[in-house]
Structures are given as C-alpha cells and as structure tokens.
PDB file of N, CA and C in Angstrom:
ATOM      1  N   UNK A   1       0.826  -1.215  -0.042  1.00  0.00           N
ATOM      2  CA  UNK A   1       0.042   0.057   0.062  1.00  0.00           C
ATOM      3  C   UNK A   1       0.896   1.223  -0.010  1.00  0.00           C
ATOM      4  N   UNK A   2       0.405   2.232  -0.676  1.00  0.00           N
ATOM      5  CA  UNK A   2       1.093   3.540  -0.728  1.00  0.00           C
ATOM      6  C   UNK A   2       0.336   4.483   0.286  1.00  0.00           C
ATOM      7  N   UNK A   3       1.088   5.208   1.133  1.00  0.00           N
ATOM      8  CA  UNK A   3       0.447   5.981   2.069  1.00  0.00           C
ATOM      9  C   UNK A   3       0.105   7.338   1.334  1.00  0.00           C
ATOM     10  N   UNK A   4      -1.217   7.847   1.482  1.00  0.00           N
ATOM     11  CA  UNK A   4      -1.650   8.996   0.922  1.00  0.00           C
ATOM     12  C   UNK A   4      -2.550   9.718   1.954  1.00  0.00           C
ATOM     13  N   UNK A   5      -2.949  10.937   1.703  1.00  0.00           N
ATOM     14  CA  UNK A   5      -3.904  11.655   2.308  1.00  0.00           C
ATOM     15  C   UNK A   5      -5.231  11.620   1.538  1.00  0.00           C
ATOM     16  N   UNK A   6      -6.231  11.167   2.153  1.00  0.00           N
ATOM     17  CA  UNK A   6      -7.521  11.123   1.653  1.00  0.00           C
ATOM     18  C   UNK A   6      -8.262  12.567   1.832  1.00  0.00           C
ATOM     19  N   UNK A   7      -8.740  13.213   0.706  1.00  0.00           N
ATOM     20  CA  UNK A   7      -9.305  14.519   0.838  1.00  0.00           C
ATOM     21  C   UNK A   7     -10.668  14.380   0.429  1.00  0.00           C
ATOM     22  N   UNK A   8     -11.613  14.805   1.313  1.00  0.00           N
ATOM     23  CA  UNK A   8     -13.041  14.894   1.019  1.00  0.00           C
ATOM     24  C   UNK A   8     -13.410  16.363   1.101  1.00  0.00           C
ATOM     25  N   UNK A   9     -14.204  16.976   0.009  1.00  0.00           N
ATOM     26  CA  UNK A   9     -14.532  18.400   0.059  1.00  0.00           C
ATOM     27  C   UNK A   9     -16.013  18.261  -0.307  1.00  0.00           C
ATOM     28  N   UNK A  10     -16.806  19.144   0.528  1.00  0.00           N
ATOM     29  CA  UNK A  10     -18.183  19.365   0.237  1.00  0.00           C
ATOM     30  C   UNK A  10     -18.343  20.810  -0.145  1.00  0.00           C
ATOM     31  N   UNK A  11     -18.908  20.989  -1.136  1.00  0.00           N
ATOM     32  CA  UNK A  11     -19.107  22.371  -1.776  1.00  0.00           C
ATOM     33  C   UNK A  11     -20.385  22.590  -2.598  1.00  0.00           C
ATOM     34  N   UNK A  12     -20.885  23.734  -2.562  1.00  0.00           N
ATOM     35  CA  UNK A  12     -22.067  24.094  -3.386  1.00  0.00           C
ATOM     36  C   UNK A  12     -21.890  23.712  -4.853  1.00  0.00           C
ATOM     37  N   UNK A  13     -22.853  23.117  -5.502  1.00  0.00           N
ATOM     38  CA  UNK A  13     -22.743  22.654  -6.758  1.00  0.00           C
ATOM     39  C   UNK A  13     -22.062  23.721  -7.833  1.00  0.00           C
ATOM     40  N   UNK A  14     -22.540  24.891  -7.740  1.00  0.00           N
ATOM     41  CA  UNK A  14     -21.872  25.860  -8.687  1.00  0.00           C
ATOM     42  C   UNK A  14     -20.405  26.127  -8.570  1.00  0.00           C
ATOM     43  N   UNK A  15     -19.779  25.736  -7.441  1.00  0.00           N
ATOM     44  CA  UNK A  15     -18.387  25.907  -7.207  1.00  0.00           C
ATOM     45  C   UNK A  15     -17.562  24.671  -7.260  1.00  0.00           C
ATOM     46  N   UNK A  16     -18.162  23.475  -7.640  1.00  0.00           N
ATOM     47  CA  UNK A  16     -17.489  22.264  -7.644  1.00  0.00           C
ATOM     48  C   UNK A  16     -16.340  22.258  -8.750  1.00  0.00           C
ATOM     49  N   UNK A  17     -16.652  22.998  -9.860  1.00  0.00           N
ATOM     50  CA  UNK A  17     -15.644  23.123 -10.970  1.00  0.00           C
ATOM     51  C   UNK A  17     -14.380  23.853 -10.552  1.00  0.00           C
ATOM     52  N   UNK A  18     -14.547  24.874  -9.669  1.00  0.00           N
ATOM     53  CA  UNK A  18     -13.463  25.602  -9.078  1.00  0.00           C
ATOM     54  C   UNK A  18     -12.545  24.660  -8.383  1.00  0.00           C
ATOM     55  N   UNK A  19     -13.223  23.768  -7.608  1.00  0.00           N
ATOM     56  CA  UNK A  19     -12.388  22.801  -6.768  1.00  0.00           C
ATOM     57  C   UNK A  19     -11.712  21.755  -7.723  1.00  0.00           C
ATOM     58  N   UNK A  20     -12.428  21.222  -8.560  1.00  0.00           N
ATOM     59  CA  UNK A  20     -11.735  20.291  -9.477  1.00  0.00           C
ATOM     60  C   UNK A  20     -10.494  20.929 -10.432  1.00  0.00           C
ATOM     61  N   UNK A  21     -10.851  22.150 -10.704  1.00  0.00           N
ATOM     62  CA  UNK A  21      -9.785  22.881 -11.458  1.00  0.00           C
ATOM     63  C   UNK A  21      -8.518  23.013 -10.569  1.00  0.00           C
ATOM     64  N   UNK A  22      -8.726  23.353  -9.247  1.00  0.00           N
ATOM     65  CA  UNK A  22      -7.717  23.418  -8.325  1.00  0.00           C
ATOM     66  C   UNK A  22      -7.051  22.126  -8.095  1.00  0.00           C
ATOM     67  N   UNK A  23      -7.697  21.081  -8.113  1.00  0.00           N
ATOM     68  CA  UNK A  23      -7.163  19.797  -8.014  1.00  0.00           C
ATOM     69  C   UNK A  23      -6.199  19.472  -9.164  1.00  0.00           C
ATOM     70  N   UNK A  24      -6.740  19.895 -10.467  1.00  0.00           N
ATOM     71  CA  UNK A  24      -5.894  19.641 -11.514  1.00  0.00           C
ATOM     72  C   UNK A  24      -4.628  20.585 -11.586  1.00  0.00           C
ATOM     73  N   UNK A  25      -4.785  21.656 -11.049  1.00  0.00           N
ATOM     74  CA  UNK A  25      -3.618  22.639 -10.937  1.00  0.00           C
ATOM     75  C   UNK A  25      -2.514  21.932  -9.903  1.00  0.00           C
ATOM     76  N   UNK A  26      -3.031  21.225  -9.028  1.00  0.00           N
ATOM     77  CA  UNK A  26      -2.073  20.571  -8.050  1.00  0.00           C
ATOM     78  C   UNK A  26      -1.701  19.222  -8.613  1.00  0.00           C
ATOM     79  N   UNK A  27      -2.011  18.877  -9.805  1.00  0.00           N
ATOM     80  CA  UNK A  27      -1.620  17.676 -10.469  1.00  0.00           C
ATOM     81  C   UNK A  27      -2.373  16.447  -9.798  1.00  0.00           C
ATOM     82  N   UNK A  28      -3.609  16.618  -9.315  1.00  0.00           N
ATOM     83  CA  UNK A  28      -4.272  15.613  -8.690  1.00  0.00           C
ATOM     84  C   UNK A  28      -5.477  15.244  -9.587  1.00  0.00           C
ATOM     85  N   UNK A  29      -5.214  14.651 -10.549  1.00  0.00           N
ATOM     86  CA  UNK A  29      -6.222  14.436 -11.723  1.00  0.00           C
ATOM     87  C   UNK A  29      -7.247  13.290 -11.411  1.00  0.00           C
ATOM     88  N   UNK A  30      -6.984  12.503 -10.453  1.00  0.00           N
ATOM     89  CA  UNK A  30      -7.855  11.418 -10.137  1.00  0.00           C
ATOM     90  C   UNK A  30      -8.814  11.882  -9.010  1.00  0.00           C
ATOM     91  N   UNK A  31     -10.016  12.172  -9.289  1.00  0.00           N
ATOM     92  CA  UNK A  31     -10.960  12.547  -8.285  1.00  0.00           C
ATOM     93  C   UNK A  31     -12.229  12.018  -8.700  1.00  0.00           C
ATOM     94  N   UNK A  32     -13.141  11.949  -7.656  1.00  0.00           N
ATOM     95  CA  UNK A  32     -14.560  11.377  -7.856  1.00  0.00           C
ATOM     96  C   UNK A  32     -15.497  12.518  -7.435  1.00  0.00           C
ATOM     97  N   UNK A  33     -16.541  12.829  -8.157  1.00  0.00           N
ATOM     98  CA  UNK A  33     -17.440  13.879  -7.779  1.00  0.00           C
ATOM     99  C   UNK A  33     -18.846  13.213  -7.701  1.00  0.00           C
ATOM    100  N   UNK A  34     -19.419  13.319  -6.518  1.00  0.00           N
ATOM    101  CA  UNK A  34     -20.707  12.732  -6.158  1.00  0.00           C
ATOM    102  C   UNK A  34     -21.646  13.887  -6.033  1.00  0.00           C
ATOM    103  N   UNK A  35     -22.699  13.877  -6.823  1.00  0.00           N
ATOM    104  CA  UNK A  35     -23.744  14.963  -6.965  1.00  0.00           C
ATOM    105  C   UNK A  35     -24.700  14.793  -6.043  1.00  0.00           C
ATOM    106  N   UNK A  36     -25.263  15.931  -5.443  1.00  0.00           N
ATOM    107  CA  UNK A  36     -26.462  15.848  -4.490  1.00  0.00           C
ATOM    108  C   UNK A  36     -26.259  15.318  -3.211  1.00  0.00           C
ATOM    109  N   UNK A  37     -25.008  15.588  -2.563  1.00  0.00           N
ATOM    110  CA  UNK A  37     -24.820  15.237  -1.158  1.00  0.00           C
ATOM    111  C   UNK A  37     -25.693  15.821  -0.369  1.00  0.00           C
ATOM    112  N   UNK A  38     -26.335  15.197   0.542  1.00  0.00           N
ATOM    113  CA  UNK A  38     -27.310  15.717   1.607  1.00  0.00           C
ATOM    114  C   UNK A  38     -26.712  15.704   2.894  1.00  0.00           C
ATOM    115  N   UNK A  39     -27.197  16.710   3.816  1.00  0.00           N
ATOM    116  CA  UNK A  39     -26.631  16.772   5.009  1.00  0.00           C
ATOM    117  C   UNK A  39     -27.074  18.005   5.766  1.00  0.00           C
ATOM    118  N   UNK A  40     -26.340  18.327   6.950  1.00  0.00           N
ATOM    119  CA  UNK A  40     -26.707  19.478   7.787  1.00  0.00           C
ATOM    120  C   UNK A  40     -25.421  20.077   8.072  1.00  0.00           C
ATOM    121  N   UNK A  41     -25.346  21.460   8.026  1.00  0.00           N
ATOM    122  CA  UNK A  41     -24.059  22.114   8.366  1.00  0.00           C
ATOM    123  C   UNK A  41     -24.397  23.504   8.853  1.00  0.00           C
ATOM    124  N   UNK A  42     -23.395  24.377   8.769  1.00  0.00           N
ATOM    125  CA  UNK A  42     -23.491  25.712   9.330  1.00  0.00           C
ATOM    126  C   UNK A  42     -24.548  26.578   8.613  1.00  0.00           C
ATOM    127  N   UNK A  43     -24.835  26.100   7.304  1.00  0.00           N
ATOM    128  CA  UNK A  43     -25.948  26.816   6.684  1.00  0.00           C
ATOM    129  C   UNK A  43     -27.327  26.174   6.520  1.00  0.00           C
ATOM    130  N   UNK A  44     -27.386  25.117   7.533  1.00  0.00           N
ATOM    131  CA  UNK A  44     -28.635  24.386   7.586  1.00  0.00           C
ATOM    132  C   UNK A  44     -28.694  23.150   6.833  1.00  0.00           C
ATOM    133  N   UNK A  45     -29.858  22.644   6.667  1.00  0.00           N
ATOM    134  CA  UNK A  45     -29.880  21.370   5.986  1.00  0.00           C
ATOM    135  C   UNK A  45     -29.954  21.428   4.439  1.00  0.00           C
ATOM    136  N   UNK A  46     -29.408  20.466   3.797  1.00  0.00           N
ATOM    137  CA  UNK A  46     -29.390  20.382   2.338  1.00  0.00           C
ATOM    138  C   UNK A  46     -29.962  19.040   2.004  1.00  0.00           C
ATOM    139  N   UNK A  47     -31.048  19.124   1.170  1.00  0.00           N
ATOM    140  CA  UNK A  47     -31.822  17.973   0.863  1.00  0.00           C
ATOM    141  C   UNK A  47     -31.401  17.364  -0.429  1.00  0.00           C
ATOM    142  N   UNK A  48     -30.833  18.037  -1.390  1.00  0.00           N
ATOM    143  CA  UNK A  48     -30.441  17.548  -2.588  1.00  0.00           C
ATOM    144  C   UNK A  48     -31.555  17.334  -3.642  1.00  0.00           C
ATOM    145  N   UNK A  49     -32.650  17.830  -3.361  1.00  0.00           N
ATOM    146  CA  UNK A  49     -33.895  17.677  -4.260  1.00  0.00           C
ATOM    147  C   UNK A  49     -34.368  19.011  -4.882  1.00  0.00           C
ATOM    148  N   UNK A  50     -33.674  20.047  -4.726  1.00  0.00           N
ATOM    149  CA  UNK A  50     -34.098  21.335  -5.296  1.00  0.00           C
ATOM    150  C   UNK A  50     -34.228  21.246  -6.781  1.00  0.00           C
ATOM    151  N   UNK A  51     -35.133  21.905  -7.341  1.00  0.00           N
ATOM    152  CA  UNK A  51     -35.475  21.839  -8.785  1.00  0.00           C
ATOM    153  C   UNK A  51     -34.161  22.331  -9.695  1.00  0.00           C
ATOM    154  N   UNK A  52     -33.599  23.390  -9.279  1.00  0.00           N
ATOM    155  CA  UNK A  52     -32.585  24.089 -10.036  1.00  0.00           C
ATOM    156  C   UNK A  52     -31.329  23.440  -9.698  1.00  0.00           C
ATOM    157  N   UNK A  53     -31.066  22.824  -8.747  1.00  0.00           N
ATOM    158  CA  UNK A  53     -29.781  22.205  -8.268  1.00  0.00           C
ATOM    159  C   UNK A  53     -28.714  23.161  -7.724  1.00  0.00           C
ATOM    160  N   UNK A  54     -29.133  24.505  -7.804  1.00  0.00           N
ATOM    161  CA  UNK A  54     -28.077  25.557  -7.432  1.00  0.00           C
ATOM    162  C   UNK A  54     -27.636  25.360  -5.908  1.00  0.00           C
ATOM    163  N   UNK A  55     -28.640  24.929  -5.068  1.00  0.00           N
ATOM    164  CA  UNK A  55     -28.239  24.827  -3.654  1.00  0.00           C
ATOM    165  C   UNK A  55     -27.885  23.462  -3.206  1.00  0.00           C
ATOM    166  N   UNK A  56     -27.740  22.635  -4.220  1.00  0.00           N
ATOM    167  CA  UNK A  56     -27.284  21.232  -3.996  1.00  0.00           C
ATOM    168  C   UNK A  56     -25.830  21.257  -3.522  1.00  0.00           C
ATOM    169  N   UNK A  57     -25.359  20.227  -2.837  1.00  0.00           N
ATOM    170  CA  UNK A  57     -23.926  20.066  -2.467  1.00  0.00           C
ATOM    171  C   UNK A  57     -23.379  19.012  -3.376  1.00  0.00           C
ATOM    172  N   UNK A  58     -22.127  19.056  -3.641  1.00  0.00           N
ATOM    173  CA  UNK A  58     -21.298  18.062  -4.299  1.00  0.00           C
ATOM    174  C   UNK A  58     -20.120  17.556  -3.428  1.00  0.00           C
ATOM    175  N   UNK A  59     -19.946  16.204  -3.306  1.00  0.00           N
ATOM    176  CA  UNK A  59     -18.838  15.754  -2.553  1.00  0.00           C
ATOM    177  C   UNK A  59     -17.761  15.353  -3.521  1.00  0.00           C
ATOM    178  N   UNK A  60     -16.641  15.837  -3.360  1.00  0.00           N
ATOM    179  CA  UNK A  60     -15.450  15.492  -4.142  1.00  0.00           C
ATOM    180  C   UNK A  60     -14.450  14.785  -3.366  1.00  0.00           C
ATOM    181  N   UNK A  61     -13.984  13.608  -3.858  1.00  0.00           N
ATOM    182  CA  UNK A  61     -12.983  12.846  -3.080  1.00  0.00           C
ATOM    183  C   UNK A  61     -11.719  12.611  -3.964  1.00  0.00           C
ATOM    184  N   UNK A  62     -10.526  12.747  -3.323  1.00  0.00           N
ATOM    185  CA  UNK A  62      -9.299  12.571  -4.120  1.00  0.00           C
ATOM    186  C   UNK A  62      -8.341  12.138  -3.021  1.00  0.00           C
ATOM    187  N   UNK A  63      -7.144  11.777  -3.590  1.00  0.00           N
ATOM    188  CA  UNK A  63      -5.970  11.470  -2.718  1.00  0.00           C
ATOM    189  C   UNK A  63      -4.888  12.495  -3.031  1.00  0.00           C
ATOM    190  N   UNK A  64      -3.950  12.600  -2.091  1.00  0.00           N
ATOM    191  CA  UNK A  64      -2.789  13.451  -2.269  1.00  0.00           C
ATOM    192  C   UNK A  64      -1.549  12.970  -1.641  1.00  0.00           C
ATOM    193  N   UNK A  65      -0.404  13.062  -2.222  1.00  0.00           N
ATOM    194  CA  UNK A  65       0.752  12.639  -1.541  1.00  0.00           C
ATOM    195  C   UNK A  65       1.017  13.361  -0.240  1.00  0.00           C
ATOM    196  N   UNK A  66       1.341  12.777   0.827  1.00  0.00           N
ATOM    197  CA  UNK A  66       1.609  13.525   2.119  1.00  0.00           C
ATOM    198  C   UNK A  66       2.467  14.829   1.960  1.00  0.00           C
ATOM    199  N   UNK A  67       3.445  14.776   1.094  1.00  0.00           N
ATOM    200  CA  UNK A  67       4.391  15.897   1.090  1.00  0.00           C
ATOM    201  C   UNK A  67       3.771  17.030   0.297  1.00  0.00           C
ATOM    202  N   UNK A  68       2.603  16.843  -0.279  1.00  0.00           N
ATOM    203  CA  UNK A  68       2.026  17.929  -1.096  1.00  0.00           C
ATOM    204  C   UNK A  68       0.679  18.436  -0.497  1.00  0.00           C
ATOM    205  N   UNK A  69       0.284  17.871   0.642  1.00  0.00           N
ATOM    206  CA  UNK A  69      -1.089  18.204   1.246  1.00  0.00           C
ATOM    207  C   UNK A  69      -1.129  19.707   1.774  1.00  0.00           C
ATOM    208  N   UNK A  70      -0.168  20.185   2.304  1.00  0.00           N
ATOM    209  CA  UNK A  70      -0.089  21.565   2.900  1.00  0.00           C
ATOM    210  C   UNK A  70      -0.334  22.528   1.803  1.00  0.00           C
ATOM    211  N   UNK A  71       0.242  22.396   0.670  1.00  0.00           N
ATOM    212  CA  UNK A  71       0.032  23.414  -0.472  1.00  0.00           C
ATOM    213  C   UNK A  71      -1.388  23.404  -0.999  1.00  0.00           C
ATOM    214  N   UNK A  72      -1.863  22.012  -1.018  1.00  0.00           N
ATOM    215  CA  UNK A  72      -3.270  21.867  -1.501  1.00  0.00           C
ATOM    216  C   UNK A  72      -4.301  22.560  -0.531  1.00  0.00           C
ATOM    217  N   UNK A  73      -4.082  22.091   0.689  1.00  0.00           N
ATOM    218  CA  UNK A  73      -5.103  22.686   1.592  1.00  0.00           C
ATOM    219  C   UNK A  73      -4.950  24.159   1.834  1.00  0.00           C
ATOM    220  N   UNK A  74      -3.800  24.821   1.635  1.00  0.00           N
ATOM    221  CA  UNK A  74      -3.796  26.206   1.694  1.00  0.00           C
ATOM    222  C   UNK A  74      -4.570  26.816   0.531  1.00  0.00           C
ATOM    223  N   UNK A  75      -4.476  26.376  -0.697  1.00  0.00           N
ATOM    224  CA  UNK A  75      -5.382  26.833  -1.761  1.00  0.00           C
ATOM    225  C   UNK A  75      -6.840  26.415  -1.573  1.00  0.00           C
ATOM    226  N   UNK A  76      -7.141  25.292  -1.070  1.00  0.00           N
ATOM    227  CA  UNK A  76      -8.523  24.818  -0.692  1.00  0.00           C
ATOM    228  C   UNK A  76      -9.149  25.820   0.239  1.00  0.00           C
ATOM    229  N   UNK A  77      -8.353  26.113   1.256  1.00  0.00           N
ATOM    230  CA  UNK A  77      -8.894  26.958   2.285  1.00  0.00           C
ATOM    231  C   UNK A  77      -9.380  28.357   1.727  1.00  0.00           C
ATOM    232  N   UNK A  78      -8.596  28.855   0.748  1.00  0.00           N
ATOM    233  CA  UNK A  78      -8.974  30.224   0.223  1.00  0.00           C
ATOM    234  C   UNK A  78     -10.419  30.131  -0.551  1.00  0.00           C
ATOM    235  N   UNK A  79     -10.614  28.940  -1.241  1.00  0.00           N
ATOM    236  CA  UNK A  79     -11.781  28.727  -1.995  1.00  0.00           C
ATOM    237  C   UNK A  79     -12.956  28.613  -0.998  1.00  0.00           C
ATOM    238  N   UNK A  80     -12.747  27.780   0.029  1.00  0.00           N
ATOM    239  CA  UNK A  80     -13.903  27.535   1.014  1.00  0.00           C
ATOM    240  C   UNK A  80     -14.171  28.727   1.912  1.00  0.00           C
ATOM    241  N   UNK A  81     -13.189  29.613   2.114  1.00  0.00           N
ATOM    242  CA  UNK A  81     -13.509  30.778   2.866  1.00  0.00           C
ATOM    243  C   UNK A  81     -14.299  31.728   1.946  1.00  0.00           C
ATOM    244  N   UNK A  82     -14.047  31.784   0.685  1.00  0.00           N
ATOM    245  CA  UNK A  82     -14.923  32.644  -0.167  1.00  0.00           C
ATOM    246  C   UNK A  82     -16.216  32.088  -0.468  1.00  0.00           C
ATOM    247  N   UNK A  83     -16.375  30.693  -0.693  1.00  0.00           N
ATOM    248  CA  UNK A  83     -17.581  30.089  -1.252  1.00  0.00           C
ATOM    249  C   UNK A  83     -18.401  29.215  -0.232  1.00  0.00           C
ATOM    250  N   UNK A  84     -17.787  28.909   0.797  1.00  0.00           N
ATOM    251  CA  UNK A  84     -18.327  27.959   1.778  1.00  0.00           C
ATOM    252  C   UNK A  84     -18.034  26.502   1.470  1.00  0.00           C
ATOM    253  N   UNK A  85     -18.318  25.624   2.383  1.00  0.00           N
ATOM    254  CA  UNK A  85     -18.091  24.173   2.138  1.00  0.00           C
ATOM    255  C   UNK A  85     -17.234  23.676   3.352  1.00  0.00           C
ATOM    256  N   UNK A  86     -16.720  22.586   3.212  1.00  0.00           N
ATOM    257  CA  UNK A  86     -15.769  21.901   4.192  1.00  0.00           C
ATOM    258  C   UNK A  86     -14.880  20.994   3.562  1.00  0.00           C
ATOM    259  N   UNK A  87     -13.855  20.613   4.168  1.00  0.00           N
ATOM    260  CA  UNK A  87     -12.799  19.792   3.648  1.00  0.00           C
ATOM    261  C   UNK A  87     -12.322  18.838   4.882  1.00  0.00           C
ATOM    262  N   UNK A  88     -12.218  17.671   4.687  1.00  0.00           N
ATOM    263  CA  UNK A  88     -11.732  16.638   5.632  1.00  0.00           C
ATOM    264  C   UNK A  88     -10.370  15.993   5.037  1.00  0.00           C
ATOM    265  N   UNK A  89      -9.384  15.926   5.822  1.00  0.00           N
ATOM    266  CA  UNK A  89      -8.200  15.317   5.298  1.00  0.00           C
ATOM    267  C   UNK A  89      -7.821  14.082   6.382  1.00  0.00           C
ATOM    268  N   UNK A  90      -7.576  12.867   5.812  1.00  0.00           N
ATOM    269  CA  UNK A  90      -7.368  11.807   6.784  1.00  0.00           C
ATOM    270  C   UNK A  90      -6.151  10.976   6.039  1.00  0.00           C
ATOM    271  N   UNK A  91      -5.500  10.181   6.893  1.00  0.00           N
ATOM    272  CA  UNK A  91      -4.558   9.278   6.442  1.00  0.00           C
ATOM    273  C   UNK A  91      -5.319   8.013   5.707  1.00  0.00           C
ATOM    274  N   UNK A  92      -4.681   7.591   4.674  1.00  0.00           N
ATOM    275  CA  UNK A  92      -5.299   6.381   3.919  1.00  0.00           C
ATOM    276  C   UNK A  92      -4.116   5.610   3.272  1.00  0.00           C
ATOM    277  N   UNK A  93      -4.483   4.475   2.818  1.00  0.00           N
ATOM    278  CA  UNK A  93      -3.508   3.634   2.125  1.00  0.00           C
ATOM    279  C   UNK A  93      -4.157   3.319   0.779  1.00  0.00           C
ATOM    280  N   UNK A  94      -3.290   3.477  -0.273  1.00  0.00           N
ATOM    281  CA  UNK A  94      -3.827   3.317  -1.738  1.00  0.00           C
ATOM    282  C   UNK A  94      -3.210   1.920  -2.196  1.00  0.00           C
ATOM    283  N   UNK A  95      -4.262   1.082  -2.579  1.00  0.00           N
ATOM    284  CA  UNK A  95      -3.975  -0.142  -2.949  1.00  0.00           C
ATOM    285  C   UNK A  95      -3.654  -0.059  -4.518  1.00  0.00           C
ATOM    286  N   UNK A  96      -2.430   0.092  -4.952  1.00  0.00           N
ATOM    287  CA  UNK A  96      -2.264   0.223  -6.274  1.00  0.00           C
ATOM    288  C   UNK A  96      -2.205  -1.197  -7.082  1.00  0.00           C
ATOM    289  N   UNK A  97      -2.901  -1.123  -8.327  1.00  0.00           N
ATOM    290  CA  UNK A  97      -2.922  -2.339  -8.983  1.00  0.00           C
ATOM    291  C   UNK A  97      -2.393  -2.190 -10.451  1.00  0.00           C
TER     292      UNK A  97
END
C-alpha cells in the first residue's frame, strides 16, 4: 500500500468546478465527484432535491501525496473561505494495482 492523504470536499454545486480545477492545478487528476450530497451544516440542512440544483452540494473525493497536502489545503482554504463548504483530510492507504 502507498500512504496517501484522503481529501473529501463538500461544496455548493456551482463551485465544484473551481475545486476540480484546483485539484488539476495541483496535478491531482484522479478525483470522484458525487452530486446531490445531503446533510446538515453551518448553513442548515441540504436535501439535494431542489429543482434548479443551485443549492445542492457536491462531494469531491481525491488523494494527495503527504508531502503536497499543505500546499493543496492552503489553496482549498481560500476557496472554502470565499464560497463555503468543508474539507476533511485523513490518512489512507492506496492499493495500487
């Protein structure tokens, strides 16, 4: 297994492309986007069933080498401070095949 940092980002749907572009900028091109994440946070509950989808959340999951996580989270912090959302970083092991 290869040690990595697992990065999970929840952001409003209209801003998910900003996050994925940021991941690309950091050369983290392997990511997964899950549309319509539901839950409750500092801005109340999100149900994921709004007609326009503007208030829906997206969950973006990726991995990052441990030696590059600080640069990534610094850039992510700026996006999250401006547009809202959350980010979790945890230790993980990548089973390379």
